[in-house]
Every structure is written in C-alpha cells, then in structure tokens.
C-alpha atoms as a PDB file:
ATOM      1  CA  MET A   1      24.560   6.353   8.000  1.00  0.00           C
ATOM      2  CA  GLN A   2      21.808   7.615  10.264  1.00  0.00           C
ATOM      3  CA  VAL A   3      18.276   6.169  10.057  1.00  0.00           C
ATOM      4  CA  LEU A   4      15.463   8.574  10.912  1.00  0.00           C
ATOM      5  CA  HIS A   5      11.955   7.381  11.781  1.00  0.00           C
ATOM      6  CA  THR A   6       9.884  10.512  12.411  1.00  0.00           C
ATOM      7  CA  VAL A   7       8.942  13.605  10.441  1.00  0.00           C
ATOM      8  CA  GLU A   8      10.353  15.751  13.246  1.00  0.00           C
ATOM      9  CA  GLU A   9      13.761  14.060  12.923  1.00  0.00           C
ATOM     10  CA  LEU A  10      13.810  14.485   9.140  1.00  0.00           C
ATOM     11  CA  ARG A  11      12.778  18.122   9.333  1.00  0.00           C
ATOM     12  CA  ALA A  12      15.367  18.847  12.029  1.00  0.00           C
ATOM     13  CA  TRP A  13      18.096  17.224   9.895  1.00  0.00           C
ATOM     14  CA  SER A  14      17.156  19.341   6.886  1.00  0.00           C
ATOM     15  CA  ARG A  15      16.901  22.591   8.817  1.00  0.00           C
ATOM     16  CA  ARG A  16      20.266  22.095  10.519  1.00  0.00           C
ATOM     17  CA  LEU A  17      21.888  21.778   7.101  1.00  0.00           C
ATOM     18  CA  ARG A  18      20.023  24.773   5.750  1.00  0.00           C
ATOM     19  CA  CYS A  19      21.151  26.910   8.661  1.00  0.00           C
ATOM     20  CA  LYS A  20      24.745  26.007   7.820  1.00  0.00           C
ATOM     21  CA  GLY A  21      24.168  27.216   4.246  1.00  0.00           C
ATOM     22  CA  GLU A  22      26.599  24.691   2.812  1.00  0.00           C
ATOM     23  CA  GLY A  23      24.706  23.664  -0.315  1.00  0.00           C
ATOM     24  CA  LEU A  24      21.624  22.035  -1.764  1.00  0.00           C
ATOM     25  CA  ILE A  25      19.575  19.404   0.076  1.00  0.00           C
ATOM     26  CA  GLY A  26      18.382  16.379  -1.918  1.00  0.00           C
ATOM     27  CA  LEU A  27      15.616  13.829  -1.418  1.00  0.00           C
ATOM     28  CA  VAL A  28      15.190  10.477  -3.168  1.00  0.00           C
ATOM     29  CA  PRO A  29      11.726   9.058  -2.410  1.00  0.00           C
ATOM     30  CA  THR A  30      11.496   5.253  -2.719  1.00  0.00           C
ATOM     31  CA  MET A  31       9.397   2.320  -1.556  1.00  0.00           C
ATOM     32  CA  GLY A  32      12.513   0.283  -0.867  1.00  0.00           C
ATOM     33  CA  ALA A  33      13.491  -2.942  -2.650  1.00  0.00           C
ATOM     34  CA  LEU A  34      16.316  -0.828  -4.046  1.00  0.00           C
ATOM     35  CA  HIS A  35      18.099  -1.758  -7.269  1.00  0.00           C
ATOM     36  CA  GLU A  36      20.535  -0.121  -9.666  1.00  0.00           C
ATOM     37  CA  GLY A  37      17.851   2.246 -10.906  1.00  0.00           C
ATOM     38  CA  HIS A  38      17.385   3.638  -7.409  1.00  0.00           C
ATOM     39  CA  ALA A  39      21.151   3.711  -6.909  1.00  0.00           C
ATOM     40  CA  SER A  40      21.501   5.881 -10.009  1.00  0.00           C
ATOM     41  CA  LEU A  41      19.067   8.389  -8.488  1.00  0.00           C
ATOM     42  CA  ILE A  42      20.986   8.445  -5.216  1.00  0.00           C
ATOM     43  CA  ARG A  43      24.289   8.935  -7.048  1.00  0.00           C
ATOM     44  CA  ALA A  44      22.788  11.824  -9.018  1.00  0.00           C
ATOM     45  CA  ALA A  45      21.574  13.364  -5.766  1.00  0.00           C
ATOM     46  CA  ALA A  46      24.959  12.846  -4.092  1.00  0.00           C
ATOM     47  CA  GLN A  47      26.690  14.538  -7.013  1.00  0.00           C
ATOM     48  CA  GLN A  48      24.532  17.644  -6.719  1.00  0.00           C
ATOM     49  CA  CYS A  49      23.940  17.600  -2.960  1.00  0.00           C
ATOM     50  CA  ALA A  50      27.072  15.981  -1.502  1.00  0.00           C
ATOM     51  CA  GLY A  51      26.608  15.088   2.153  1.00  0.00           C
ATOM     52  CA  ARG A  52      23.012  16.277   2.146  1.00  0.00           C
ATOM     53  CA  VAL A  53      20.922  13.408   0.644  1.00  0.00           C
ATOM     54  CA  ALA A  54      17.934  11.793   2.349  1.00  0.00           C
ATOM     55  CA  VAL A  55      16.531   8.549   0.928  1.00  0.00           C
ATOM     56  CA  SER A  56      13.023   7.700   2.071  1.00  0.00           C
ATOM     57  CA  ILE A  57      12.016   4.040   2.304  1.00  0.00           C
ATOM     58  CA  PHE A  58       8.264   3.724   2.799  1.00  0.00           C
ATOM     59  CA  VAL A  59       5.838   1.283   1.187  1.00  0.00           C
ATOM     60  CA  ASN A  60       2.905   3.647   0.816  1.00  0.00           C
ATOM     61  CA  PRO A  61      -0.415   1.849   1.363  1.00  0.00           C
ATOM     62  CA  THR A  62      -2.583   4.561  -0.181  1.00  0.00           C
ATOM     63  CA  GLN A  63      -1.229   4.047  -3.705  1.00  0.00           C
ATOM     64  CA  PHE A  64      -2.186   0.358  -3.805  1.00  0.00           C
ATOM     65  CA  GLY A  65      -5.619  -0.799  -4.923  1.00  0.00           C
ATOM     66  CA  PRO A  66      -7.632  -3.422  -2.970  1.00  0.00           C
ATOM     67  CA  ASN A  67      -6.440  -6.286  -5.177  1.00  0.00           C
ATOM     68  CA  GLU A  68      -2.842  -5.108  -5.647  1.00  0.00           C
ATOM     69  CA  ASP A  69       0.405  -6.309  -4.096  1.00  0.00           C
ATOM     70  CA  PHE A  70       0.836  -4.140  -0.978  1.00  0.00           C
ATOM     71  CA  SER A  71       1.176  -7.083   1.424  1.00  0.00           C
ATOM     72  CA  ARG A  72       3.727  -8.919  -0.718  1.00  0.00           C
ATOM     73  CA  TYR A  73       5.657  -5.899  -2.024  1.00  0.00           C
ATOM     74  CA  PRO A  74       9.371  -6.631  -1.407  1.00  0.00           C
ATOM     75  CA  ARG A  75      10.665  -5.309   1.899  1.00  0.00           C
ATOM     76  CA  THR A  76      14.461  -5.593   2.080  1.00  0.00           C
ATOM     77  CA  PHE A  77      15.524  -2.872   4.495  1.00  0.00           C
ATOM     78  CA  ASP A  78      18.973  -4.171   5.422  1.00  0.00           C
ATOM     79  CA  ALA A  79      20.000  -4.596   1.785  1.00  0.00           C
ATOM     80  CA  ASP A  80      18.423  -1.235   0.928  1.00  0.00           C
ATOM     81  CA  ARG A  81      20.458   0.520   3.605  1.00  0.00           C
ATOM     82  CA  GLU A  82      23.693  -0.887   2.176  1.00  0.00           C
ATOM     83  CA  ILE A  83      22.790   0.112  -1.397  1.00  0.00           C
ATOM     84  CA  ALA A  84      21.837   3.622  -0.297  1.00  0.00           C
ATOM     85  CA  ALA A  85      25.050   4.062   1.695  1.00  0.00           C
ATOM     86  CA  ARG A  86      27.253   2.911  -1.184  1.00  0.00           C
ATOM     87  CA  ALA A  87      25.459   5.248  -3.584  1.00  0.00           C
ATOM     88  CA  GLY A  88      26.023   8.294  -1.374  1.00  0.00           C
ATOM     89  CA  ALA A  89      22.983   8.723   0.871  1.00  0.00           C
ATOM     90  CA  THR A  90      23.484  10.713   4.054  1.00  0.00           C
ATOM     91  CA  VAL A  91      20.390   9.595   5.965  1.00  0.00           C
ATOM     92  CA  ILE A  92      17.525   7.164   5.480  1.00  0.00           C
ATOM     93  CA  PHE A  93      14.000   8.174   6.412  1.00  0.00           C
ATOM     94  CA  ALA A  94      12.078   5.017   7.298  1.00  0.00           C
ATOM     95  CA  PRO A  95       8.762   5.928   8.931  1.00  0.00           C
ATOM     96  CA  ASN A  96       5.974   3.526   9.807  1.00  0.00           C
ATOM     97  CA  VAL A  97       2.453   3.907   8.455  1.00  0.00           C
ATOM     98  CA  GLU A  98       1.216   5.654  11.602  1.00  0.00           C
ATOM     99  CA  GLU A  99       3.925   8.319  11.258  1.00  0.00           C
ATOM    100  CA  MET A 100       2.896   9.185   7.697  1.00  0.00           C
ATOM    101  CA  TYR A 101      -0.848   8.742   8.245  1.00  0.00           C
ATOM    102  CA  PRO A 102      -1.653   9.636  11.864  1.00  0.00           C
ATOM    103  CA  ALA A 103      -4.883   8.332  13.365  1.00  0.00           C
ATOM    104  CA  GLY A 104      -7.804  10.355  12.044  1.00  0.00           C
ATOM    105  CA  ALA A 105      -5.862  11.815   9.102  1.00  0.00           C
ATOM    106  CA  GLY A 106      -8.263  12.860   6.378  1.00  0.00           C
ATOM    107  CA  THR A 107      -6.176  15.083   4.089  1.00  0.00           C
ATOM    108  CA  PHE A 108      -5.230  13.826   0.638  1.00  0.00           C
ATOM    109  CA  VAL A 109      -3.771  15.476  -2.469  1.00  0.00           C
ATOM    110  CA  ASP A 110      -5.570  14.912  -5.770  1.00  0.00           C
ATOM    111  CA  VAL A 111      -4.035  16.276  -8.979  1.00  0.00           C
ATOM    112  CA  GLU A 112      -7.170  16.434 -11.106  1.00  0.00           C
ATOM    113  CA  GLY A 113      -6.998  15.438 -14.755  1.00  0.00           C
ATOM    114  CA  LEU A 114      -3.537  13.908 -14.905  1.00  0.00           C
ATOM    115  CA  SER A 115      -4.379  11.452 -12.133  1.00  0.00           C
ATOM    116  CA  GLU A 116      -6.970   9.755 -14.346  1.00  0.00           C
ATOM    117  CA  ARG A 117      -4.630   9.159 -17.299  1.00  0.00           C
ATOM    118  CA  LEU A 118      -2.335   6.233 -18.186  1.00  0.00           C
ATOM    119  CA  ASP A 119      -1.647   4.365 -14.932  1.00  0.00           C
ATOM    120  CA  GLY A 120      -4.263   6.462 -13.197  1.00  0.00           C
ATOM    121  CA  LYS A 121      -6.919   5.153 -15.569  1.00  0.00           C
ATOM    122  CA  SER A 122      -5.840   1.550 -15.000  1.00  0.00           C
ATOM    123  CA  ARG A 123      -5.341   1.978 -11.252  1.00  0.00           C
ATOM    124  CA  PRO A 124      -8.018   4.359  -9.881  1.00  0.00           C
ATOM    125  CA  GLY A 125      -6.801   6.243  -6.825  1.00  0.00           C
ATOM    126  CA  HIS A 126      -3.149   5.313  -7.434  1.00  0.00           C
ATOM    127  CA  PHE A 127      -1.907   8.827  -8.178  1.00  0.00           C
ATOM    128  CA  ARG A 128      -3.945  10.264  -5.317  1.00  0.00           C
ATOM    129  CA  GLY A 129      -1.872   8.093  -3.005  1.00  0.00           C
ATOM    130  CA  VAL A 130       1.377   8.978  -4.782  1.00  0.00           C
ATOM    131  CA  ALA A 131       0.686  12.708  -4.731  1.00  0.00           C
ATOM    132  CA  THR A 132      -0.295  12.618  -1.071  1.00  0.00           C
ATOM    133  CA  VAL A 133       2.777  10.761   0.166  1.00  0.00           C
ATOM    134  CA  VAL A 134       5.202  12.784  -1.978  1.00  0.00           C
ATOM    135  CA  ALA A 135       3.638  16.032  -0.768  1.00  0.00           C
ATOM    136  CA  LYS A 136       4.123  14.820   2.806  1.00  0.00           C
ATOM    137  CA  LEU A 137       7.759  13.925   2.097  1.00  0.00           C
ATOM    138  CA  LEU A 138       8.499  17.273   0.439  1.00  0.00           C
ATOM    139  CA  ILE A 139       6.908  19.160   3.314  1.00  0.00           C
ATOM    140  CA  ALA A 140       8.829  17.111   5.869  1.00  0.00           C
ATOM    141  CA  ALA A 141      12.257  17.184   4.215  1.00  0.00           C
ATOM    142  CA  GLU A 142      12.054  20.647   2.627  1.00  0.00           C
ATOM    143  CA  PRO A 143      14.571  19.602  -0.064  1.00  0.00           C
ATOM    144  CA  ASP A 144      15.893  21.851  -2.805  1.00  0.00           C
ATOM    145  CA  LEU A 145      15.922  18.916  -5.243  1.00  0.00           C
ATOM    146  CA  ALA A 146      13.946  15.668  -5.385  1.00  0.00           C
ATOM    147  CA  PHE A 147      15.056  12.885  -7.699  1.00  0.00           C
ATOM    148  CA  PHE A 148      12.753  10.581  -9.674  1.00  0.00           C
ATOM    149  CA  GLY A 149      13.226   8.079 -12.482  1.00  0.00           C
ATOM    150  CA  GLN A 150      11.876   8.466 -15.996  1.00  0.00           C
ATOM    151  CA  LYS A 151      10.509   4.917 -15.849  1.00  0.00           C
ATOM    152  CA  ASP A 152       7.656   6.333 -13.770  1.00  0.00           C
ATOM    153  CA  ALA A 153       6.991   9.005 -16.391  1.00  0.00           C
ATOM    154  CA  ALA A 154       3.274   9.413 -15.681  1.00  0.00           C
ATOM    155  CA  GLN A 155       4.045   9.788 -11.993  1.00  0.00           C
ATOM    156  CA  VAL A 156       6.615  12.466 -12.846  1.00  0.00           C
ATOM    157  CA  ALA A 157       3.999  14.431 -14.810  1.00  0.00           C
ATOM    158  CA  VAL A 158       1.582  14.301 -11.869  1.00  0.00           C
ATOM    159  CA  LEU A 159       4.262  15.402  -9.409  1.00  0.00           C
ATOM    160  CA  GLN A 160       5.536  18.212 -11.642  1.00  0.00           C
ATOM    161  CA  LYS A 161       2.020  19.651 -11.656  1.00  0.00           C
ATOM    162  CA  LEU A 162       1.676  19.141  -7.911  1.00  0.00           C
ATOM    163  CA  VAL A 163       4.877  21.095  -7.268  1.00  0.00           C
ATOM    164  CA  ALA A 164       3.834  23.859  -9.678  1.00  0.00           C
ATOM    165  CA  ASP A 165       0.260  24.139  -8.382  1.00  0.00           C
ATOM    166  CA  LEU A 166       1.266  24.229  -4.705  1.00  0.00           C
ATOM    167  CA  ARG A 167       4.207  26.572  -5.384  1.00  0.00           C
ATOM    168  CA  LEU A 168       6.564  24.258  -3.529  1.00  0.00           C
ATOM    169  CA  GLY A 169      10.213  25.258  -3.374  1.00  0.00           C
ATOM    170  CA  THR A 170      11.515  21.881  -4.544  1.00  0.00           C
ATOM    171  CA  ARG A 171      12.705  21.226  -8.105  1.00  0.00           C
ATOM    172  CA  LEU A 172      12.178  17.735  -9.478  1.00  0.00           C
ATOM    173  CA  VAL A 173      15.150  16.132 -11.221  1.00  0.00           C
ATOM    174  CA  VAL A 174      14.243  13.338 -13.654  1.00  0.00           C
ATOM    175  CA  CYS A 175      16.932  10.715 -14.292  1.00  0.00           C
ATOM    176  CA  PRO A 176      17.094   8.263 -17.233  1.00  0.00           C
ATOM    177  CA  ILE A 177      15.709   4.733 -17.162  1.00  0.00           C
ATOM    178  CA  VAL A 178      18.286   2.134 -16.117  1.00  0.00           C
ATOM    179  CA  ARG A 179      18.049  -1.138 -18.041  1.00  0.00           C
ATOM    180  CA  LYS A 180      19.573  -4.578 -17.827  1.00  0.00           C
ATOM    181  CA  PRO A 181      21.948  -5.404 -20.716  1.00  0.00           C
ATOM    182  CA  ASP A 182      19.095  -7.223 -22.500  1.00  0.00           C
ATOM    183  CA  GLY A 183      16.870  -4.139 -22.334  1.00  0.00           C
ATOM    184  CA  LEU A 184      14.583  -4.938 -19.400  1.00  0.00           C
ATOM    185  CA  ALA A 185      13.823  -1.786 -17.426  1.00  0.00           C
ATOM    186  CA  MET A 186      14.870  -2.078 -13.778  1.00  0.00           C
ATOM    187  CA  SER A 187      11.889  -2.467 -11.441  1.00  0.00           C
ATOM    188  CA  SER A 188      11.380  -3.715  -7.916  1.00  0.00           C
ATOM    189  CA  ARG A 189       8.568  -5.878  -9.276  1.00  0.00           C
ATOM    190  CA  ASN A 190      10.943  -7.796 -11.559  1.00  0.00           C
ATOM    191  CA  VAL A 191      11.601 -10.122  -8.603  1.00  0.00           C
ATOM    192  CA  TYR A 192       8.098 -11.511  -9.094  1.00  0.00           C
ATOM    193  CA  LEU A 193       8.928 -12.795 -12.596  1.00  0.00           C
ATOM    194  CA  SER A 194       9.763 -16.422 -13.264  1.00  0.00           C
ATOM    195  CA  ALA A 195      12.585 -17.129 -15.721  1.00  0.00           C
ATOM    196  CA  GLU A 196      10.061 -17.614 -18.526  1.00  0.00           C
ATOM    197  CA  GLU A 197       8.103 -14.494 -17.598  1.00  0.00           C
ATOM    198  CA  ARG A 198      11.300 -12.476 -17.525  1.00  0.00           C
ATOM    199  CA  ARG A 199      12.014 -13.606 -21.085  1.00  0.00           C
ATOM    200  CA  GLN A 200       8.503 -12.605 -22.102  1.00  0.00           C
ATOM    201  CA  ALA A 201       8.890  -9.197 -20.423  1.00  0.00           C
ATOM    202  CA  LEU A 202      11.639  -8.262 -22.892  1.00  0.00           C
ATOM    203  CA  VAL A 203       8.895  -7.696 -25.462  1.00  0.00           C
ATOM    204  CA  LEU A 204       8.204  -4.282 -23.892  1.00  0.00           C
ATOM    205  CA  SER A 205      11.653  -2.922 -24.694  1.00  0.00           C
ATOM    206  CA  ARG A 206      11.524  -4.578 -28.138  1.00  0.00           C
ATOM    207  CA  ALA A 207       8.296  -2.711 -28.858  1.00  0.00           C
ATOM    208  CA  ILE A 208       9.939   0.551 -27.827  1.00  0.00           C
ATOM    209  CA  ARG A 209      12.942  -0.070 -30.064  1.00  0.00           C
ATOM    210  CA  GLN A 210      10.656  -0.797 -33.017  1.00  0.00           C
ATOM    211  CA  VAL A 211       8.871   2.526 -32.560  1.00  0.00           C
ATOM    212  CA  GLU A 212      12.203   4.322 -32.247  1.00  0.00           C
ATOM    213  CA  ARG A 213      13.369   2.736 -35.511  1.00  0.00           C
ATOM    214  CA  LEU A 214      10.199   3.881 -37.278  1.00  0.00           C
ATOM    215  CA  VAL A 215      10.538   7.408 -35.935  1.00  0.00           C
ATOM    216  CA  SER A 216      14.185   7.502 -37.058  1.00  0.00           C
ATOM    217  CA  GLY A 217      12.951   6.466 -40.497  1.00  0.00           C
ATOM    218  CA  GLY A 218      10.512   9.372 -40.652  1.00  0.00           C
ATOM    219  CA  GLU A 219       7.220   7.921 -39.352  1.00  0.00           C
ATOM    220  CA  ARG A 220       5.355  10.397 -37.145  1.00  0.00           C
ATOM    221  CA  GLN A 221       1.709   9.271 -37.132  1.00  0.00           C
ATOM    222  CA  SER A 222       0.743   8.052 -33.693  1.00  0.00           C
ATOM    223  CA  SER A 223      -1.722   5.503 -35.024  1.00  0.00           C
ATOM    224  CA  ALA A 224       0.964   3.810 -37.115  1.00  0.00           C
ATOM    225  CA  LEU A 225       3.499   3.861 -34.287  1.00  0.00           C
ATOM    226  CA  ILE A 226       1.036   2.448 -31.762  1.00  0.00           C
ATOM    227  CA  GLU A 227       0.000  -0.262 -34.206  1.00  0.00           C
ATOM    228  CA  ALA A 228       3.660  -1.196 -34.682  1.00  0.00           C
ATOM    229  CA  ALA A 229       4.236  -1.398 -30.928  1.00  0.00           C
ATOM    230  CA  ARG A 230       1.152  -3.544 -30.458  1.00  0.00           C
ATOM    231  CA  GLY A 231       2.335  -5.794 -33.271  1.00  0.00           C
ATOM    232  CA  VAL A 232       5.577  -6.474 -31.438  1.00  0.00           C
ATOM    233  CA  LEU A 233       3.780  -7.018 -28.131  1.00  0.00           C
ATOM    234  CA  ALA A 234       1.534  -9.571 -29.830  1.00  0.00           C
ATOM    235  CA  GLU A 235       4.627 -11.726 -30.423  1.00  0.00           C
ATOM    236  CA  GLU A 236       4.255 -12.800 -26.779  1.00  0.00           C
ATOM    237  CA  PRO A 237       0.637 -14.001 -26.523  1.00  0.00           C
ATOM    238  CA  MET A 238       0.919 -14.583 -22.765  1.00  0.00           C
ATOM    239  CA  VAL A 239       1.639 -10.867 -22.224  1.00  0.00           C
ATOM    240  CA  ARG A 240      -1.602  -8.924 -21.663  1.00  0.00           C
ATOM    241  CA  VAL A 241      -1.375  -5.317 -22.821  1.00  0.00           C
ATOM    242  CA  ASP A 242      -2.836  -2.674 -20.529  1.00  0.00           C
ATOM    243  CA  TYR A 243      -2.104   0.356 -22.706  1.00  0.00           C
ATOM    244  CA  VAL A 244       0.140   1.655 -25.476  1.00  0.00           C
ATOM    245  CA  GLU A 245      -0.032   5.436 -25.804  1.00  0.00           C
ATOM    246  CA  LEU A 246       1.778   8.344 -27.403  1.00  0.00           C
ATOM    247  CA  VAL A 247       1.161  11.383 -25.238  1.00  0.00           C
ATOM    248  CA  ASP A 248       2.379  14.843 -24.389  1.00  0.00           C
ATOM    249  CA  TRP A 249       4.522  14.280 -21.302  1.00  0.00           C
ATOM    250  CA  ALA A 250       3.280  17.383 -19.503  1.00  0.00           C
ATOM    251  CA  THR A 251      -0.446  16.680 -19.892  1.00  0.00           C
ATOM    252  CA  LEU A 252      -0.473  12.906 -20.574  1.00  0.00           C
ATOM    253  CA  LEU A 253      -3.012  13.594 -23.330  1.00  0.00           C
ATOM    254  CA  PRO A 254      -2.772  11.606 -26.591  1.00  0.00           C
ATOM    255  CA  VAL A 255      -1.105  13.233 -29.588  1.00  0.00           C
ATOM    256  CA  THR A 256      -1.881  12.460 -33.223  1.00  0.00           C
ATOM    257  CA  THR A 257       1.657  13.195 -34.419  1.00  0.00           C
ATOM    258  CA  ALA A 258       4.844  12.345 -32.557  1.00  0.00           C
ATOM    259  CA  GLY A 259       7.198  15.277 -32.116  1.00  0.00           C
ATOM    260  CA  PRO A 260      10.192  16.142 -29.946  1.00  0.00           C
ATOM    261  CA  GLY A 261       9.411  15.222 -26.379  1.00  0.00           C
ATOM    262  CA  THR A 262       6.480  12.916 -27.128  1.00  0.00           C
ATOM    263  CA  LEU A 263       6.208  10.132 -24.561  1.00  0.00           C
ATOM    264  CA  LEU A 264       5.687   6.558 -25.692  1.00  0.00           C
ATOM    265  CA  ALA A 265       4.209   4.771 -22.674  1.00  0.00           C
ATOM    266  CA  LEU A 266       3.433   1.070 -22.306  1.00  0.00           C
ATOM    267  CA  ALA A 267       1.991  -1.105 -19.555  1.00  0.00           C
ATOM    268  CA  ALA A 268       1.376  -4.843 -19.650  1.00  0.00           C
ATOM    269  CA  TRP A 269       0.768  -7.835 -17.425  1.00  0.00           C
ATOM    270  CA  VAL A 270       3.422 -10.523 -17.552  1.00  0.00           C
ATOM    271  CA  GLY A 271       1.958 -13.390 -15.586  1.00  0.00           C
ATOM    272  CA  SER A 272       0.550 -11.744 -12.469  1.00  0.00           C
ATOM    273  CA  THR A 273       3.035  -8.850 -12.599  1.00  0.00           C
ATOM    274  CA  ARG A 274       2.166  -5.484 -14.110  1.00  0.00           C
ATOM    275  CA  LEU A 275       5.168  -3.771 -15.718  1.00  0.00           C
ATOM    276  CA  ILE A 276       5.551  -0.316 -17.240  1.00  0.00           C
ATOM    277  CA  ASP A 277       8.095   1.101 -19.659  1.00  0.00           C
ATOM    278  CA  ASN A 278       8.466   4.204 -21.808  1.00  0.00           C
ATOM    279  CA  ALA A 279      10.707   6.266 -24.038  1.00  0.00           C
ATOM    280  CA  ILE A 280      10.917   9.872 -25.158  1.00  0.00           C
ATOM    281  CA  ILE A 281      10.355   9.869 -28.910  1.00  0.00           C
ATOM    282  CA  GLY A 282      12.031  12.267 -31.292  1.00  0.00           C
END
C-alpha cells in the first residue's frame, strides 16, 4: 500500500483514477490511532469505492485547545498502516504539519452557528480547526465520497453544512458507532483510561440505553429524558458531565420534544479524559 506525503501526490493519485473513469473515489479522514471504528469506515469505503480509497492520517494541531492533548495524542503509524491495509485502503495520506499549513498560511474555515454548539461550546475553536483541515483534505483528494463516524455527530453536522455551503462535490457518508461488547464507544482516547476509569466510562452508554428505554415506552419530553440521563450519569460521582443535550442533528439546536432523528448527545470527563457518545432517538 502506497504512502503519500504531499497534497500534489494525493491530488495526482485521485486525478489518475478519475481519468480512468473506473468508479467512485473514497476518502476516510482520520487522526491515526486507528481502531475497529476506523476500520469499519475503511471497509465501508472499500465496499463502495473498491481500489480507490485514501485514508488520511494527520493529527491536526488547529483543532486542539491550548490545554488539550495534542502533544500526547496517540501516534501509532506502523500499526495504523496495517489496520488500514487489512480494511481495504488503497493509499495512506500522511502529511506533516508544514504540508497542511504552509508557512504564512492565514486561511481558515469557520462554519458559523454550528461551530459554537455542543463540543464547539465546550472547546472554542475546535470546529474551526476541524472544518479547515477537512476542507483542505476534500480539496486535495477530490473524493466522490468521504466517510465519517456517527460518534462524532456534532462534527458531522458541521461538515455537512460546510459541504453544502461551499457546494463541494463530495457526499459525506455517516457510518454507525462501533462499540465494545460492554457498550463502550470506540475512541482513540480510550487508551488514556485506567481499568477503573474504563469501568466508570460505561455509564455513558448506560445513560443512552435508559433514554432509549424511556422513548420506547412513550416518553418524548426532552426535559424528562435529559433528567433521566443525568440521573444515570450521577451513579458514577467521579465522572464529570460536560453536557447532555437533545438536539436537531442538522442544526444542533435543542428540541423540546424528541422525534424521529433527534440526537441525544453526551460528553463527560472520566479522569483526565473527555469522552463523547450519542444516539439517534426515535
């Protein structure tokens, strides 16, 4: 499997395939530290874009705040390359920071409104960095399809609007959350958790299941559902809740009544690790 390091190489790869007219081109943007969740995205891309799948591995500095974990974010390139190859990637795009942000670069992408909601409210500037790097990747790779995971649901909403507003030719494909058998959502940051913290982290998926049970039983009021989720989260006093929200997935604005497609979104600190989880309600 070929490893590309420059935008010119990635663009040339994509354009050669497009000239052949053999099918769709797929992109799976990642920050590395690949796990089964990422592998599921790559497999989905390989199924729809066989032989034409680029996986980017780039720890993007602009989406980390000053006190966040950029310097210690897991970097496991050799293992990532093996996972990507087994899942069906064709090439890996692994640029350095200077390739993505050339000296003197001053252009950033800011999706106003959505970028200040959910994770954007808790992590100011985060979605500005995400939108900027994804726009750069989409411009460089010129893919027909780009694959993202539902676990990053707020990010998906921001990127859907970015693609629509800029009239980009790429369609975003959103794949389901992949969980461990005990319910923990797969995340590269799970490696930070101690054994006890990992046990505590299961409270997020328990809170989601409780809300799903209430919705199945007929409860639709957001206030009651949020209160129920917070009640479950309180069972682990060492877990610090960031937010529990029921929102419209497209706008990330709160809803008073849960309906089909409502997003239940949670974020919490488990020890020093911030985790997110969500579910589509109804």
